[in-house]
């Protein structure tokens, strides 16, 4: 962690009493900067969490612009609120622009209202609609933490067709253990686990091997209750559907871990 002189220099508050050899001070700052540059975002977030506010702000000034969004994503709400308090609106928006839409949706809930509008204005129409949708839900609801990275297939295609489709995609969203089977109007009909695709004949149709009664969540469901269901059923991902059964997005173990962490942290602070 930066010592007092390094902290004061980074914050522009160096006093005469703290001044020492300029070259040595520059070397110390460069050394801290090198350490920061090599730390992955989760470790940087943990380090910032452990520091007093003044040293936290000093270290934050050494975090590279393209990494700030990921660090904010990993940080606790307390650290997030502390750091953005001295960031300009432009700096905050620039940090968020490096994130994907699901990550932006997660962080937008903490933005000041004037910034929310500016962020929305910078997004494509489809993504803007998704952010507005999530913002309507209560903070501790499934709707507030769901993500939109899903892969859907039709029930009447063969597993061979699904395999070719996945190869063309080239990659899948993190924590994809299943695909969601939908009709043309996005009504959820079932789910298709990846192991089912691999272990059955390529000639079989999706409708013949899909799970027709999957675990699903409503966006209004309580996130902590959903976390307990994930633990009970050993889930990696699950569909989120609206009141008429249309697929809206999904929950994954990543969001659930965040819920459990926040719940535990709140219990410890109580």
Protein backbone atom coordinates (compact mmCIF):
# COMPACT_ATOMS: atom_id res chain seq x y z
CA UNK A 1 0.00 0.00 0.00
CA UNK A 2 1.25 3.54 -0.66
CA UNK A 3 2.93 5.27 2.29
CA UNK A 4 1.91 8.76 3.46
CA UNK A 5 4.13 10.70 1.06
CA UNK A 6 3.08 8.64 -1.95
CA UNK A 7 -0.58 9.01 -0.97
CA UNK A 8 -0.26 12.76 -0.52
CA UNK A 9 1.54 13.13 -3.87
CA UNK A 10 -1.12 11.19 -5.76
CA UNK A 11 -3.84 13.28 -4.14
CA UNK A 12 -1.96 16.54 -4.73
CA UNK A 13 -1.64 17.19 -0.98
CA UNK A 14 2.10 16.77 -0.40
CA UNK A 15 3.28 19.01 2.44
CA UNK A 16 6.80 20.36 3.01
CA UNK A 17 7.18 18.03 5.98
CA UNK A 18 6.49 15.00 3.77
CA UNK A 19 8.87 15.96 0.98
CA UNK A 20 11.98 13.92 0.46
CA UNK A 21 14.22 13.05 -2.48
CA UNK A 22 12.12 13.68 -5.60
CA UNK A 23 13.72 10.81 -7.50
CA UNK A 24 13.04 8.34 -4.71
CA UNK A 25 9.42 9.48 -4.44
CA UNK A 26 8.96 9.07 -8.19
CA UNK A 27 10.47 5.57 -7.99
CA UNK A 28 8.10 4.66 -5.14
CA UNK A 29 5.09 5.84 -7.13
CA UNK A 30 6.28 3.93 -10.21
CA UNK A 31 6.71 0.78 -8.12
CA UNK A 32 3.18 1.03 -6.71
CA UNK A 33 1.86 1.74 -10.21
CA UNK A 34 3.57 -1.37 -11.57
CA UNK A 35 2.01 -3.49 -8.84
CA UNK A 36 -1.43 -2.06 -9.56
CA UNK A 37 -1.02 -2.70 -13.30
CA UNK A 38 -0.33 -6.39 -12.68
CA UNK A 39 -3.19 -7.03 -10.25
CA UNK A 40 -6.36 -8.55 -11.77
CA UNK A 41 -9.60 -6.60 -11.11
CA UNK A 42 -10.87 -8.88 -8.28
CA UNK A 43 -7.58 -8.47 -6.38
CA UNK A 44 -7.58 -4.72 -6.98
CA UNK A 45 -11.13 -4.50 -5.63
CA UNK A 46 -10.10 -6.45 -2.50
CA UNK A 47 -7.10 -4.17 -2.01
CA UNK A 48 -9.24 -1.04 -2.33
CA UNK A 49 -11.74 -2.52 0.12
CA UNK A 50 -9.02 -2.98 2.74
CA UNK A 51 -7.65 0.58 2.51
CA UNK A 52 -8.79 3.70 4.39
CA UNK A 53 -10.66 6.13 2.15
CA UNK A 54 -7.74 8.51 1.53
CA UNK A 55 -5.33 5.75 0.50
CA UNK A 56 -8.09 4.09 -1.53
CA UNK A 57 -8.54 7.26 -3.60
CA UNK A 58 -4.78 7.56 -4.05
CA UNK A 59 -4.48 3.99 -5.32
CA UNK A 60 -7.52 4.45 -7.57
CA UNK A 61 -5.68 7.18 -9.46
CA UNK A 62 -3.13 4.55 -10.52
CA UNK A 63 -5.74 2.15 -11.93
CA UNK A 64 -5.69 2.27 -15.72
CA UNK A 65 -8.79 3.69 -17.40
CA UNK A 66 -9.63 0.52 -19.32
CA UNK A 67 -9.65 -1.52 -16.08
CA UNK A 68 -11.72 0.81 -13.92
CA UNK A 69 -15.07 -0.60 -15.02
CA UNK A 70 -14.10 -4.18 -14.15
CA UNK A 71 -12.71 -3.09 -10.76
CA UNK A 72 -15.93 -1.22 -9.94
CA UNK A 73 -17.86 -4.32 -10.94
CA UNK A 74 -15.91 -6.41 -8.41
CA UNK A 75 -16.02 -3.81 -5.62
CA UNK A 76 -18.54 -3.69 -2.79
CA UNK A 77 -21.22 -1.01 -2.73
CA UNK A 78 -19.33 0.93 -0.06
CA UNK A 79 -16.17 1.09 -2.18
CA UNK A 80 -18.18 1.88 -5.33
CA UNK A 81 -19.97 4.78 -3.62
CA UNK A 82 -16.70 6.11 -2.15
CA UNK A 83 -14.80 6.00 -5.44
CA UNK A 84 -17.43 7.55 -7.71
CA UNK A 85 -17.91 10.36 -5.19
CA UNK A 86 -14.80 12.10 -6.54
CA UNK A 87 -15.00 10.90 -10.16
CA UNK A 88 -16.32 13.23 -12.80
CA UNK A 89 -19.44 12.25 -14.74
CA UNK A 90 -17.28 11.72 -17.82
CA UNK A 91 -14.89 9.43 -15.93
CA UNK A 92 -17.76 7.29 -14.65
CA UNK A 93 -19.35 6.96 -18.09
CA UNK A 94 -15.98 6.12 -19.66
CA UNK A 95 -15.44 3.37 -17.07
CA UNK A 96 -18.87 1.87 -17.76
CA UNK A 97 -18.39 1.93 -21.53
CA UNK A 98 -15.75 -0.83 -21.21
CA UNK A 99 -18.34 -3.24 -19.76
CA UNK A 100 -20.91 -5.40 -21.52
CA UNK A 101 -24.62 -4.69 -21.23
CA UNK A 102 -25.30 -7.07 -18.32
CA UNK A 103 -22.47 -5.54 -16.31
CA UNK A 104 -23.68 -2.01 -17.09
CA UNK A 105 -27.17 -2.96 -15.93
CA UNK A 106 -25.75 -4.22 -12.64
CA UNK A 107 -23.85 -1.01 -11.97
CA UNK A 108 -26.43 1.44 -13.30
CA UNK A 109 -28.50 0.82 -10.15
CA UNK A 110 -25.87 2.74 -8.18
CA UNK A 111 -25.60 5.71 -10.53
CA UNK A 112 -26.86 9.18 -9.65
CA UNK A 113 -30.10 9.84 -11.54
CA UNK A 114 -28.59 12.45 -13.87
CA UNK A 115 -25.89 9.99 -14.96
CA UNK A 116 -28.38 7.21 -15.59
CA UNK A 117 -30.02 9.27 -18.31
CA UNK A 118 -26.67 10.08 -19.92
CA UNK A 119 -25.64 6.42 -19.91
CA UNK A 120 -28.94 5.39 -21.46
CA UNK A 121 -28.52 7.99 -24.19
CA UNK A 122 -25.18 6.44 -25.15
CA UNK A 123 -26.61 2.92 -25.63
CA UNK A 124 -28.16 1.34 -28.75
CA UNK A 125 -31.99 1.25 -28.65
CA UNK A 126 -32.28 -2.47 -27.79
CA UNK A 127 -29.79 -2.26 -24.92
CA UNK A 128 -31.41 0.96 -23.69
CA UNK A 129 -34.76 -0.87 -23.49
CA UNK A 130 -33.17 -3.67 -21.45
CA UNK A 131 -31.66 -1.24 -18.95
CA UNK A 132 -34.99 0.56 -18.53
CA UNK A 133 -36.68 -2.79 -17.98
CA UNK A 134 -34.30 -3.85 -15.20
CA UNK A 135 -34.47 -0.44 -13.50
CA UNK A 136 -38.17 -1.01 -12.78
CA UNK A 137 -37.45 -3.91 -10.43
CA UNK A 138 -36.67 -3.76 -6.73
CA UNK A 139 -32.99 -3.90 -5.83
CA UNK A 140 -33.18 -7.34 -4.16
CA UNK A 141 -35.32 -8.94 -6.85
CA UNK A 142 -34.42 -11.46 -9.53
CA UNK A 143 -35.24 -8.89 -12.21
CA UNK A 144 -32.56 -6.53 -10.91
CA UNK A 145 -29.78 -9.12 -11.28
CA UNK A 146 -30.86 -11.18 -14.29
CA UNK A 147 -28.68 -11.14 -17.40
CA UNK A 148 -29.62 -11.25 -21.05
CA UNK A 149 -26.88 -13.46 -22.48
CA UNK A 150 -28.95 -16.50 -23.48
CA UNK A 151 -28.88 -19.00 -26.34
CA UNK A 152 -32.28 -20.16 -27.60
CA UNK A 153 -33.28 -22.95 -29.99
CA UNK A 154 -36.54 -24.12 -31.54
CA UNK A 155 -38.14 -27.43 -30.49
CA UNK A 156 -38.49 -28.82 -34.02
CA UNK A 157 -34.79 -28.78 -35.00
CA UNK A 158 -32.45 -31.76 -34.63
CA UNK A 159 -29.55 -31.98 -32.17
CA UNK A 160 -27.23 -32.06 -35.18
CA UNK A 161 -28.59 -28.66 -36.23
CA UNK A 162 -28.05 -27.36 -32.69
CA UNK A 163 -24.45 -28.58 -32.71
CA UNK A 164 -23.75 -26.83 -36.03
CA UNK A 165 -25.38 -23.65 -34.70
CA UNK A 166 -23.16 -23.68 -31.60
CA UNK A 167 -20.04 -24.20 -33.70
CA UNK A 168 -20.99 -21.21 -35.86
CA UNK A 169 -21.42 -19.06 -32.74
CA UNK A 170 -17.84 -19.86 -31.78
CA UNK A 171 -18.37 -19.00 -28.11
CA UNK A 172 -21.05 -19.09 -25.43
CA UNK A 173 -21.91 -16.78 -22.53
CA UNK A 174 -20.21 -17.70 -19.26
CA UNK A 175 -21.98 -20.32 -17.15
CA UNK A 176 -23.89 -21.75 -20.10
CA UNK A 177 -24.82 -25.29 -19.07
CA UNK A 178 -28.08 -25.35 -21.01
CA UNK A 179 -29.92 -23.77 -23.91
CA UNK A 180 -33.47 -22.48 -23.68
CA UNK A 181 -36.13 -23.86 -25.99
CA UNK A 182 -38.61 -21.22 -27.12
CA UNK A 183 -41.41 -20.73 -29.61
CA UNK A 184 -41.26 -17.96 -32.18
CA UNK A 185 -42.98 -15.55 -29.77
CA UNK A 186 -40.28 -16.26 -27.12
CA UNK A 187 -42.51 -18.42 -24.92
CA UNK A 188 -40.30 -20.78 -22.92
CA UNK A 189 -41.08 -24.41 -23.79
CA UNK A 190 -38.22 -26.13 -21.99
CA UNK A 191 -34.46 -26.31 -21.60
CA UNK A 192 -31.78 -28.39 -23.28
CA UNK A 193 -28.67 -29.28 -21.29
CA UNK A 194 -25.35 -29.37 -23.12
CA UNK A 195 -24.75 -32.95 -21.98
CA UNK A 196 -28.07 -33.93 -23.59
CA UNK A 197 -26.87 -32.48 -26.90
CA UNK A 198 -23.65 -34.49 -26.68
CA UNK A 199 -25.02 -37.82 -25.44
CA UNK A 200 -27.96 -38.28 -27.80
CA UNK A 201 -28.24 -39.03 -31.51
CA UNK A 202 -27.83 -36.03 -33.79
CA UNK A 203 -31.03 -37.15 -35.56
CA UNK A 204 -33.22 -36.65 -32.50
CA UNK A 205 -35.27 -33.50 -32.29
CA UNK A 206 -34.95 -31.02 -29.45
CA UNK A 207 -38.58 -31.61 -28.44
CA UNK A 208 -37.86 -35.32 -27.87
CA UNK A 209 -35.05 -34.84 -25.34
CA UNK A 210 -35.60 -31.41 -23.74
CA UNK A 211 -36.63 -30.89 -20.11
CA UNK A 212 -40.23 -29.72 -20.31
CA UNK A 213 -40.61 -28.61 -16.68
CA UNK A 214 -37.48 -26.60 -15.91
CA UNK A 215 -36.91 -24.49 -12.83
CA UNK A 216 -37.82 -20.91 -13.72
CA UNK A 217 -37.91 -17.62 -11.87
CA UNK A 218 -40.07 -14.53 -12.13
CA UNK A 219 -38.37 -11.11 -12.20
CA UNK A 220 -40.33 -10.18 -9.07
CA UNK A 221 -38.96 -13.15 -7.09
CA UNK A 222 -36.75 -12.41 -4.09
CA UNK A 223 -33.05 -12.79 -5.02
CA UNK A 224 -32.10 -14.37 -1.68
CA UNK A 225 -34.81 -17.02 -2.05
CA UNK A 226 -33.55 -17.68 -5.57
CA UNK A 227 -30.05 -18.14 -4.16
CA UNK A 228 -31.34 -20.79 -1.77
CA UNK A 229 -33.04 -22.58 -4.66
CA UNK A 230 -29.78 -22.52 -6.64
CA UNK A 231 -27.99 -24.09 -3.68
CA UNK A 232 -30.71 -26.69 -3.07
CA UNK A 233 -30.94 -27.81 -6.70
CA UNK A 234 -27.24 -27.32 -7.52
CA UNK A 235 -28.10 -24.99 -10.41
CA UNK A 236 -25.63 -23.22 -12.70
CA UNK A 237 -28.23 -21.21 -14.62
CA UNK A 238 -32.01 -20.87 -14.82
CA UNK A 239 -34.53 -19.04 -16.99
CA UNK A 240 -36.34 -15.86 -15.98
CA UNK A 241 -39.82 -15.58 -17.51
CA UNK A 242 -42.53 -12.94 -17.42
CA UNK A 243 -46.13 -13.39 -16.25
CA UNK A 244 -47.16 -15.08 -19.50
CA UNK A 245 -44.17 -17.41 -19.70
CA UNK A 246 -42.03 -15.52 -22.20
CA UNK A 247 -38.27 -15.76 -21.75
CA UNK A 248 -36.77 -12.51 -20.46
CA UNK A 249 -33.24 -13.57 -19.49
CA UNK A 250 -31.53 -15.88 -17.05
CA UNK A 251 -29.91 -16.12 -13.63
CA UNK A 252 -26.47 -17.67 -13.31
CA UNK A 253 -24.33 -18.83 -10.45
CA UNK A 254 -22.23 -15.64 -10.77
CA UNK A 255 -25.18 -13.41 -9.81
CA UNK A 256 -26.15 -15.84 -7.05
CA UNK A 257 -22.66 -15.74 -5.54
CA UNK A 258 -22.90 -11.92 -5.48
CA UNK A 259 -26.25 -12.15 -3.68
CA UNK A 260 -24.88 -14.59 -1.09
CA UNK A 261 -21.78 -12.43 -0.57
CA UNK A 262 -23.85 -9.29 -0.06
CA UNK A 263 -26.24 -11.09 2.30
CA UNK A 264 -23.31 -12.39 4.37
CA UNK A 265 -21.64 -8.97 4.38
CA UNK A 266 -24.85 -7.32 5.59
CA UNK A 267 -25.22 -9.93 8.35
CA UNK A 268 -21.66 -9.27 9.52
CA UNK A 269 -22.25 -5.50 9.59
CA UNK A 270 -25.51 -5.87 11.52
